[in-house]
């Protein structure tokens, strides 16, 4: 994996199911470069992670195209992020 880009590593981890929530992408790709690459600001990305229900499909699709995975996989990551936040608030 030494010669692979962060996006390729993220793709493999998402497809293998090792990244289970959207914020897990930040273990591979730093927050600021990821947010810039999908066309948003780091501040908005932090707000999205705190409130996953604010994600727009554009954010999800841009992330999916960036790491070259099916959009449904990224939707599932966002959904899992939402469920993890909802359980903590109850």
PDB file of N, CA and C in Angstrom:
ATOM      1  N   UNK A   1       0.808  -1.200   0.000  1.00  0.00           N
ATOM      2  CA  UNK A   1       0.000   0.000   0.000  1.00  0.00           C
ATOM      3  C   UNK A   1       0.851   1.263   0.000  1.00  0.00           C
ATOM      4  N   UNK A   2       2.150   1.126  -0.059  1.00  0.00           N
ATOM      5  CA  UNK A   2       3.036   2.276   0.043  1.00  0.00           C
ATOM      6  C   UNK A   2       2.869   3.237  -1.135  1.00  0.00           C
ATOM      7  N   UNK A   3       2.619   2.732  -2.326  1.00  0.00           N
ATOM      8  CA  UNK A   3       2.533   3.585  -3.496  1.00  0.00           C
ATOM      9  C   UNK A   3       1.107   4.026  -3.816  1.00  0.00           C
ATOM     10  N   UNK A   4       0.155   3.653  -3.019  1.00  0.00           N
ATOM     11  CA  UNK A   4      -1.228   4.010  -3.286  1.00  0.00           C
ATOM     12  C   UNK A   4      -1.572   5.355  -2.667  1.00  0.00           C
ATOM     13  N   UNK A   5      -2.467   6.066  -3.335  1.00  0.00           N
ATOM     14  CA  UNK A   5      -2.902   7.341  -2.784  1.00  0.00           C
ATOM     15  C   UNK A   5      -3.888   7.090  -1.650  1.00  0.00           C
ATOM     16  N   UNK A   6      -4.139   8.120  -0.901  1.00  0.00           N
ATOM     17  CA  UNK A   6      -5.086   8.020   0.215  1.00  0.00           C
ATOM     18  C   UNK A   6      -6.472   7.619  -0.279  1.00  0.00           C
ATOM     19  N   UNK A   7      -6.839   8.124  -1.451  1.00  0.00           N
ATOM     20  CA  UNK A   7      -8.158   7.828  -1.988  1.00  0.00           C
ATOM     21  C   UNK A   7      -8.282   6.359  -2.378  1.00  0.00           C
ATOM     22  N   UNK A   8      -7.231   5.789  -2.900  1.00  0.00           N
ATOM     23  CA  UNK A   8      -7.250   4.367  -3.247  1.00  0.00           C
ATOM     24  C   UNK A   8      -7.332   3.508  -1.986  1.00  0.00           C
ATOM     25  N   UNK A   9      -6.621   3.907  -0.954  1.00  0.00           N
ATOM     26  CA  UNK A   9      -6.675   3.180   0.316  1.00  0.00           C
ATOM     27  C   UNK A   9      -8.077   3.284   0.907  1.00  0.00           C
ATOM     28  N   UNK A  10      -8.664   4.496   0.863  1.00  0.00           N
ATOM     29  CA  UNK A  10     -10.018   4.685   1.378  1.00  0.00           C
ATOM     30  C   UNK A  10     -11.006   3.824   0.592  1.00  0.00           C
ATOM     31  N   UNK A  11     -10.832   3.756  -0.713  1.00  0.00           N
ATOM     32  CA  UNK A  11     -11.709   2.937  -1.552  1.00  0.00           C
ATOM     33  C   UNK A  11     -11.665   1.473  -1.110  1.00  0.00           C
ATOM     34  N   UNK A  12     -10.471   0.952  -0.925  1.00  0.00           N
ATOM     35  CA  UNK A  12     -10.338  -0.448  -0.529  1.00  0.00           C
ATOM     36  C   UNK A  12     -10.948  -0.703   0.850  1.00  0.00           C
ATOM     37  N   UNK A  13     -10.749   0.223   1.779  1.00  0.00           N
ATOM     38  CA  UNK A  13     -11.286   0.047   3.129  1.00  0.00           C
ATOM     39  C   UNK A  13     -12.812   0.140   3.147  1.00  0.00           C
ATOM     40  N   UNK A  14     -13.375   1.043   2.352  1.00  0.00           N
ATOM     41  CA  UNK A  14     -14.831   1.168   2.284  1.00  0.00           C
ATOM     42  C   UNK A  14     -15.430  -0.078   1.651  1.00  0.00           C
ATOM     43  N   UNK A  15     -14.834  -0.528   0.561  1.00  0.00           N
ATOM     44  CA  UNK A  15     -15.359  -1.715  -0.119  1.00  0.00           C
ATOM     45  C   UNK A  15     -15.227  -2.971   0.740  1.00  0.00           C
ATOM     46  N   UNK A  16     -14.192  -3.031   1.563  1.00  0.00           N
ATOM     47  CA  UNK A  16     -13.997  -4.189   2.432  1.00  0.00           C
ATOM     48  C   UNK A  16     -14.870  -4.112   3.687  1.00  0.00           C
ATOM     49  N   UNK A  17     -15.502  -2.959   3.908  1.00  0.00           N
ATOM     50  CA  UNK A  17     -16.358  -2.816   5.084  1.00  0.00           C
ATOM     51  C   UNK A  17     -15.602  -2.469   6.343  1.00  0.00           C
ATOM     52  N   UNK A  18     -14.348  -2.081   6.225  1.00  0.00           N
ATOM     53  CA  UNK A  18     -13.565  -1.741   7.409  1.00  0.00           C
ATOM     54  C   UNK A  18     -13.829  -0.319   7.885  1.00  0.00           C
ATOM     55  N   UNK A  19     -14.292   0.543   6.996  1.00  0.00           N
ATOM     56  CA  UNK A  19     -14.743   1.871   7.402  1.00  0.00           C
ATOM     57  C   UNK A  19     -16.253   1.774   7.503  1.00  0.00           C
ATOM     58  N   UNK A  20     -16.768   2.012   8.698  1.00  0.00           N
ATOM     59  CA  UNK A  20     -18.186   1.767   8.962  1.00  0.00           C
ATOM     60  C   UNK A  20     -19.024   3.037   9.028  1.00  0.00           C
ATOM     61  N   UNK A  21     -18.398   4.187   9.321  1.00  0.00           N
ATOM     62  CA  UNK A  21     -19.102   5.465   9.377  1.00  0.00           C
ATOM     63  C   UNK A  21     -18.329   6.483   8.554  1.00  0.00           C
ATOM     64  N   UNK A  22     -19.009   7.550   8.151  1.00  0.00           N
ATOM     65  CA  UNK A  22     -18.384   8.550   7.282  1.00  0.00           C
ATOM     66  C   UNK A  22     -17.139   9.154   7.919  1.00  0.00           C
ATOM     67  N   UNK A  23     -17.194   9.425   9.208  1.00  0.00           N
ATOM     68  CA  UNK A  23     -16.039  10.039   9.873  1.00  0.00           C
ATOM     69  C   UNK A  23     -14.838   9.098   9.893  1.00  0.00           C
ATOM     70  N   UNK A  24     -15.046   7.817   9.635  1.00  0.00           N
ATOM     71  CA  UNK A  24     -13.940   6.871   9.525  1.00  0.00           C
ATOM     72  C   UNK A  24     -13.033   7.176   8.343  1.00  0.00           C
ATOM     73  N   UNK A  25     -13.541   7.903   7.365  1.00  0.00           N
ATOM     74  CA  UNK A  25     -12.702   8.310   6.232  1.00  0.00           C
ATOM     75  C   UNK A  25     -11.561   9.218   6.690  1.00  0.00           C
ATOM     76  N   UNK A  26     -11.783   9.925   7.801  1.00  0.00           N
ATOM     77  CA  UNK A  26     -10.767  10.856   8.289  1.00  0.00           C
ATOM     78  C   UNK A  26      -9.552  10.138   8.859  1.00  0.00           C
ATOM     79  N   UNK A  27      -9.657   8.846   9.106  1.00  0.00           N
ATOM     80  CA  UNK A  27      -8.485   8.070   9.525  1.00  0.00           C
ATOM     81  C   UNK A  27      -7.507   7.901   8.372  1.00  0.00           C
ATOM     82  N   UNK A  28      -8.019   7.965   7.155  1.00  0.00           N
ATOM     83  CA  UNK A  28      -7.195   7.761   5.961  1.00  0.00           C
ATOM     84  C   UNK A  28      -6.917   9.085   5.251  1.00  0.00           C
ATOM     85  N   UNK A  29      -7.952   9.902   5.128  1.00  0.00           N
ATOM     86  CA  UNK A  29      -7.841  11.187   4.435  1.00  0.00           C
ATOM     87  C   UNK A  29      -8.093  12.289   5.457  1.00  0.00           C
ATOM     88  N   UNK A  30      -7.159  13.212   5.627  1.00  0.00           N
ATOM     89  CA  UNK A  30      -7.395  14.304   6.586  1.00  0.00           C
ATOM     90  C   UNK A  30      -8.653  15.108   6.232  1.00  0.00           C
ATOM     91  N   UNK A  31      -9.291  15.644   7.250  1.00  0.00           N
ATOM     92  CA  UNK A  31     -10.564  16.343   7.089  1.00  0.00           C
ATOM     93  C   UNK A  31     -10.482  17.513   6.110  1.00  0.00           C
ATOM     94  N   UNK A  32      -9.473  18.328   6.240  1.00  0.00           N
ATOM     95  CA  UNK A  32      -9.395  19.530   5.402  1.00  0.00           C
ATOM     96  C   UNK A  32      -9.236  19.188   3.921  1.00  0.00           C
ATOM     97  N   UNK A  33      -8.292  18.318   3.525  1.00  0.00           N
ATOM     98  CA  UNK A  33      -8.207  17.975   2.100  1.00  0.00           C
ATOM     99  C   UNK A  33      -9.466  17.284   1.564  1.00  0.00           C
ATOM    100  N   UNK A  34     -10.096  16.449   2.383  1.00  0.00           N
ATOM    101  CA  UNK A  34     -11.319  15.781   1.936  1.00  0.00           C
ATOM    102  C   UNK A  34     -12.430  16.794   1.710  1.00  0.00           C
ATOM    103  N   UNK A  35     -12.592  17.705   2.654  1.00  0.00           N
ATOM    104  CA  UNK A  35     -13.663  18.695   2.507  1.00  0.00           C
ATOM    105  C   UNK A  35     -13.419  19.590   1.296  1.00  0.00           C
ATOM    106  N   UNK A  36     -12.188  19.985   1.076  1.00  0.00           N
ATOM    107  CA  UNK A  36     -11.875  20.817  -0.095  1.00  0.00           C
ATOM    108  C   UNK A  36     -12.107  20.045  -1.391  1.00  0.00           C
ATOM    109  N   UNK A  37     -11.761  18.778  -1.403  1.00  0.00           N
ATOM    110  CA  UNK A  37     -11.892  17.962  -2.610  1.00  0.00           C
ATOM    111  C   UNK A  37     -13.351  17.734  -2.994  1.00  0.00           C
ATOM    112  N   UNK A  38     -14.253  17.694  -2.012  1.00  0.00           N
ATOM    113  CA  UNK A  38     -15.662  17.491  -2.353  1.00  0.00           C
ATOM    114  C   UNK A  38     -16.393  18.820  -2.523  1.00  0.00           C
ATOM    115  N   UNK A  39     -15.679  19.927  -2.367  1.00  0.00           N
ATOM    116  CA  UNK A  39     -16.258  21.232  -2.658  1.00  0.00           C
ATOM    117  C   UNK A  39     -16.953  21.911  -1.507  1.00  0.00           C
ATOM    118  N   UNK A  40     -16.487  21.694  -0.302  1.00  0.00           N
ATOM    119  CA  UNK A  40     -17.064  22.369   0.855  1.00  0.00           C
ATOM    120  C   UNK A  40     -15.927  22.881   1.745  1.00  0.00           C
ATOM    121  N   UNK A  41     -16.273  23.548   2.810  1.00  0.00           N
ATOM    122  CA  UNK A  41     -15.258  24.078   3.712  1.00  0.00           C
ATOM    123  C   UNK A  41     -15.049  23.113   4.881  1.00  0.00           C
ATOM    124  N   UNK A  42     -13.895  23.172   5.515  1.00  0.00           N
ATOM    125  CA  UNK A  42     -13.669  22.321   6.691  1.00  0.00           C
ATOM    126  C   UNK A  42     -14.666  22.594   7.818  1.00  0.00           C
ATOM    127  N   UNK A  43     -15.108  23.838   7.948  1.00  0.00           N
ATOM    128  CA  UNK A  43     -16.079  24.187   8.980  1.00  0.00           C
ATOM    129  C   UNK A  43     -17.419  23.507   8.709  1.00  0.00           C
ATOM    130  N   UNK A  44     -17.838  23.524   7.451  1.00  0.00           N
ATOM    131  CA  UNK A  44     -19.096  22.866   7.103  1.00  0.00           C
ATOM    132  C   UNK A  44     -18.970  21.354   7.272  1.00  0.00           C
ATOM    133  N   UNK A  45     -17.810  20.799   6.956  1.00  0.00           N
ATOM    134  CA  UNK A  45     -17.604  19.360   7.125  1.00  0.00           C
ATOM    135  C   UNK A  45     -17.743  18.982   8.597  1.00  0.00           C
ATOM    136  N   UNK A  46     -17.213  19.804   9.484  1.00  0.00           N
ATOM    137  CA  UNK A  46     -17.346  19.539  10.920  1.00  0.00           C
ATOM    138  C   UNK A  46     -18.815  19.577  11.329  1.00  0.00           C
ATOM    139  N   UNK A  47     -19.573  20.523  10.767  1.00  0.00           N
ATOM    140  CA  UNK A  47     -21.006  20.611  11.060  1.00  0.00           C
ATOM    141  C   UNK A  47     -21.745  19.383  10.525  1.00  0.00           C
ATOM    142  N   UNK A  48     -21.350  18.896   9.352  1.00  0.00           N
ATOM    143  CA  UNK A  48     -21.988  17.712   8.778  1.00  0.00           C
ATOM    144  C   UNK A  48     -21.739  16.472   9.638  1.00  0.00           C
ATOM    145  N   UNK A  49     -20.543  16.346  10.162  1.00  0.00           N
ATOM    146  CA  UNK A  49     -20.221  15.188  10.993  1.00  0.00           C
ATOM    147  C   UNK A  49     -20.997  15.249  12.310  1.00  0.00           C
ATOM    148  N   UNK A  50     -21.158  16.450  12.867  1.00  0.00           N
ATOM    149  CA  UNK A  50     -21.937  16.596  14.093  1.00  0.00           C
ATOM    150  C   UNK A  50     -23.429  16.370  13.853  1.00  0.00           C
ATOM    151  N   UNK A  51     -23.896  16.723  12.658  1.00  0.00           N
ATOM    152  CA  UNK A  51     -25.319  16.592  12.293  1.00  0.00           C
ATOM    153  C   UNK A  51     -25.418  15.931  10.924  1.00  0.00           C
ATOM    154  N   UNK A  52     -25.281  14.626  10.842  1.00  0.00           N
ATOM    155  CA  UNK A  52     -25.268  13.942   9.544  1.00  0.00           C
ATOM    156  C   UNK A  52     -26.531  14.136   8.715  1.00  0.00           C
ATOM    157  N   UNK A  53     -27.633  14.510   9.344  1.00  0.00           N
ATOM    158  CA  UNK A  53     -28.854  14.734   8.572  1.00  0.00           C
ATOM    159  C   UNK A  53     -28.745  15.946   7.655  1.00  0.00           C
ATOM    160  N   UNK A  54     -27.711  16.773   7.833  1.00  0.00           N
ATOM    161  CA  UNK A  54     -27.501  17.941   6.982  1.00  0.00           C
ATOM    162  C   UNK A  54     -26.766  17.620   5.675  1.00  0.00           C
ATOM    163  N   UNK A  55     -26.264  16.398   5.538  1.00  0.00           N
ATOM    164  CA  UNK A  55     -25.593  16.015   4.296  1.00  0.00           C
ATOM    165  C   UNK A  55     -26.553  16.185   3.124  1.00  0.00           C
ATOM    166  N   UNK A  56     -26.039  16.721   2.036  1.00  0.00           N
ATOM    167  CA  UNK A  56     -26.816  16.801   0.804  1.00  0.00           C
ATOM    168  C   UNK A  56     -26.308  15.704  -0.127  1.00  0.00           C
ATOM    169  N   UNK A  57     -27.143  15.288  -1.021  1.00  0.00           N
ATOM    170  CA  UNK A  57     -26.739  14.241  -1.960  1.00  0.00           C
ATOM    171  C   UNK A  57     -25.501  14.652  -2.750  1.00  0.00           C
ATOM    172  N   UNK A  58     -25.366  15.942  -3.017  1.00  0.00           N
ATOM    173  CA  UNK A  58     -24.188  16.432  -3.726  1.00  0.00           C
ATOM    174  C   UNK A  58     -22.910  16.076  -2.964  1.00  0.00           C
ATOM    175  N   UNK A  59     -22.925  16.227  -1.633  1.00  0.00           N
ATOM    176  CA  UNK A  59     -21.762  15.897  -0.810  1.00  0.00           C
ATOM    177  C   UNK A  59     -21.455  14.402  -0.891  1.00  0.00           C
ATOM    178  N   UNK A  60     -22.508  13.606  -0.833  1.00  0.00           N
ATOM    179  CA  UNK A  60     -22.346  12.155  -0.874  1.00  0.00           C
ATOM    180  C   UNK A  60     -21.813  11.718  -2.230  1.00  0.00           C
ATOM    181  N   UNK A  61     -22.405  12.246  -3.298  1.00  0.00           N
ATOM    182  CA  UNK A  61     -21.971  11.865  -4.650  1.00  0.00           C
ATOM    183  C   UNK A  61     -20.547  12.325  -4.927  1.00  0.00           C
ATOM    184  N   UNK A  62     -20.195  13.523  -4.478  1.00  0.00           N
ATOM    185  CA  UNK A  62     -18.822  14.009  -4.678  1.00  0.00           C
ATOM    186  C   UNK A  62     -17.816  13.130  -3.941  1.00  0.00           C
ATOM    187  N   UNK A  63     -18.167  12.702  -2.737  1.00  0.00           N
ATOM    188  CA  UNK A  63     -17.295  11.806  -1.982  1.00  0.00           C
ATOM    189  C   UNK A  63     -17.152  10.469  -2.700  1.00  0.00           C
ATOM    190  N   UNK A  64     -18.259   9.936  -3.184  1.00  0.00           N
ATOM    191  CA  UNK A  64     -18.229   8.648  -3.888  1.00  0.00           C
ATOM    192  C   UNK A  64     -17.363   8.726  -5.142  1.00  0.00           C
ATOM    193  N   UNK A  65     -17.495   9.806  -5.898  1.00  0.00           N
ATOM    194  CA  UNK A  65     -16.684   9.962  -7.110  1.00  0.00           C
ATOM    195  C   UNK A  65     -15.215  10.169  -6.767  1.00  0.00           C
ATOM    196  N   UNK A  66     -14.954  10.850  -5.680  1.00  0.00           N
ATOM    197  CA  UNK A  66     -13.579  11.106  -5.266  1.00  0.00           C
ATOM    198  C   UNK A  66     -12.841   9.815  -4.918  1.00  0.00           C
ATOM    199  N   UNK A  67     -13.499   8.951  -4.162  1.00  0.00           N
ATOM    200  CA  UNK A  67     -12.826   7.702  -3.776  1.00  0.00           C
ATOM    201  C   UNK A  67     -13.183   6.549  -4.704  1.00  0.00           C
ATOM    202  N   UNK A  68     -13.994   6.849  -5.730  1.00  0.00           N
ATOM    203  CA  UNK A  68     -14.317   5.895  -6.796  1.00  0.00           C
ATOM    204  C   UNK A  68     -15.027   4.647  -6.269  1.00  0.00           C
ATOM    205  N   UNK A  69     -16.098   4.878  -5.502  1.00  0.00           N
ATOM    206  CA  UNK A  69     -16.935   3.781  -5.027  1.00  0.00           C
ATOM    207  C   UNK A  69     -18.383   4.083  -5.412  1.00  0.00           C
ATOM    208  N   UNK A  70     -19.238   3.093  -5.256  1.00  0.00           N
ATOM    209  CA  UNK A  70     -20.657   3.261  -5.531  1.00  0.00           C
ATOM    210  C   UNK A  70     -21.255   4.251  -4.529  1.00  0.00           C
ATOM    211  N   UNK A  71     -22.137   5.083  -5.020  1.00  0.00           N
ATOM    212  CA  UNK A  71     -22.752   6.094  -4.172  1.00  0.00           C
ATOM    213  C   UNK A  71     -23.494   5.476  -2.986  1.00  0.00           C
ATOM    214  N   UNK A  72     -24.081   4.313  -3.193  1.00  0.00           N
ATOM    215  CA  UNK A  72     -24.827   3.629  -2.129  1.00  0.00           C
ATOM    216  C   UNK A  72     -23.931   3.326  -0.929  1.00  0.00           C
ATOM    217  N   UNK A  73     -22.669   2.998  -1.172  1.00  0.00           N
ATOM    218  CA  UNK A  73     -21.747   2.736  -0.068  1.00  0.00           C
ATOM    219  C   UNK A  73     -21.547   3.977   0.800  1.00  0.00           C
ATOM    220  N   UNK A  74     -21.436   5.130   0.161  1.00  0.00           N
ATOM    221  CA  UNK A  74     -21.235   6.371   0.913  1.00  0.00           C
ATOM    222  C   UNK A  74     -22.530   6.760   1.627  1.00  0.00           C
ATOM    223  N   UNK A  75     -23.669   6.524   0.996  1.00  0.00           N
ATOM    224  CA  UNK A  75     -24.951   6.778   1.662  1.00  0.00           C
ATOM    225  C   UNK A  75     -25.045   5.923   2.919  1.00  0.00           C
ATOM    226  N   UNK A  76     -24.613   4.673   2.823  1.00  0.00           N
ATOM    227  CA  UNK A  76     -24.635   3.800   3.997  1.00  0.00           C
ATOM    228  C   UNK A  76     -23.698   4.306   5.092  1.00  0.00           C
ATOM    229  N   UNK A  77     -22.548   4.869   4.714  1.00  0.00           N
ATOM    230  CA  UNK A  77     -21.625   5.440   5.706  1.00  0.00           C
ATOM    231  C   UNK A  77     -22.272   6.619   6.435  1.00  0.00           C
ATOM    232  N   UNK A  78     -22.931   7.479   5.671  1.00  0.00           N
ATOM    233  CA  UNK A  78     -23.603   8.639   6.275  1.00  0.00           C
ATOM    234  C   UNK A  78     -24.746   8.170   7.174  1.00  0.00           C
ATOM    235  N   UNK A  79     -25.484   7.170   6.726  1.00  0.00           N
ATOM    236  CA  UNK A  79     -26.588   6.636   7.534  1.00  0.00           C
ATOM    237  C   UNK A  79     -26.061   6.046   8.849  1.00  0.00           C
ATOM    238  N   UNK A  80     -24.970   5.315   8.772  1.00  0.00           N
ATOM    239  CA  UNK A  80     -24.373   4.747   9.987  1.00  0.00           C
ATOM    240  C   UNK A  80     -23.883   5.861  10.917  1.00  0.00           C
ATOM    241  N   UNK A  81     -23.350   6.926  10.347  1.00  0.00           N
ATOM    242  CA  UNK A  81     -22.920   8.088  11.147  1.00  0.00           C
ATOM    243  C   UNK A  81     -24.133   8.695  11.853  1.00  0.00           C
ATOM    244  N   UNK A  82     -25.227   8.835  11.133  1.00  0.00           N
ATOM    245  CA  UNK A  82     -26.455   9.384  11.704  1.00  0.00           C
ATOM    246  C   UNK A  82     -26.951   8.519  12.863  1.00  0.00           C
ATOM    247  N   UNK A  83     -26.974   7.211  12.653  1.00  0.00           N
ATOM    248  CA  UNK A  83     -27.451   6.316  13.704  1.00  0.00           C
ATOM    249  C   UNK A  83     -26.558   6.368  14.940  1.00  0.00           C
ATOM    250  N   UNK A  84     -25.253   6.477  14.731  1.00  0.00           N
ATOM    251  CA  UNK A  84     -24.350   6.538  15.887  1.00  0.00           C
ATOM    252  C   UNK A  84     -24.543   7.836  16.670  1.00  0.00           C
ATOM    253  N   UNK A  85     -24.806   8.923  15.994  1.00  0.00           N
ATOM    254  CA  UNK A  85     -25.051  10.208  16.667  1.00  0.00           C
ATOM    255  C   UNK A  85     -26.403  10.195  17.370  1.00  0.00           C
ATOM    256  N   UNK A  86     -27.404   9.597  16.742  1.00  0.00           N
ATOM    257  CA  UNK A  86     -28.745   9.557  17.321  1.00  0.00           C
ATOM    258  C   UNK A  86     -28.761   8.741  18.597  1.00  0.00           C
ATOM    259  N   UNK A  87     -28.031   7.645  18.621  1.00  0.00           N
ATOM    260  CA  UNK A  87     -28.005   6.794  19.812  1.00  0.00           C
ATOM    261  C   UNK A  87     -27.352   7.519  20.979  1.00  0.00           C
ATOM    262  N   UNK A  88     -26.332   8.327  20.695  1.00  0.00           N
ATOM    263  CA  UNK A  88     -25.656   9.051  21.760  1.00  0.00           C
ATOM    264  C   UNK A  88     -26.546  10.125  22.354  1.00  0.00           C
ATOM    265  N   UNK A  89     -27.415  10.733  21.528  1.00  0.00           N
ATOM    266  CA  UNK A  89     -28.241  11.832  22.012  1.00  0.00           C
ATOM    267  C   UNK A  89     -29.401  11.346  22.872  1.00  0.00           C
ATOM    268  N   UNK A  90     -29.818  10.097  22.704  1.00  0.00           N
ATOM    269  CA  UNK A  90     -30.970   9.590  23.459  1.00  0.00           C
ATOM    270  C   UNK A  90     -30.654   9.387  24.916  1.00  0.00           C
TER     271      UNK A  90
END
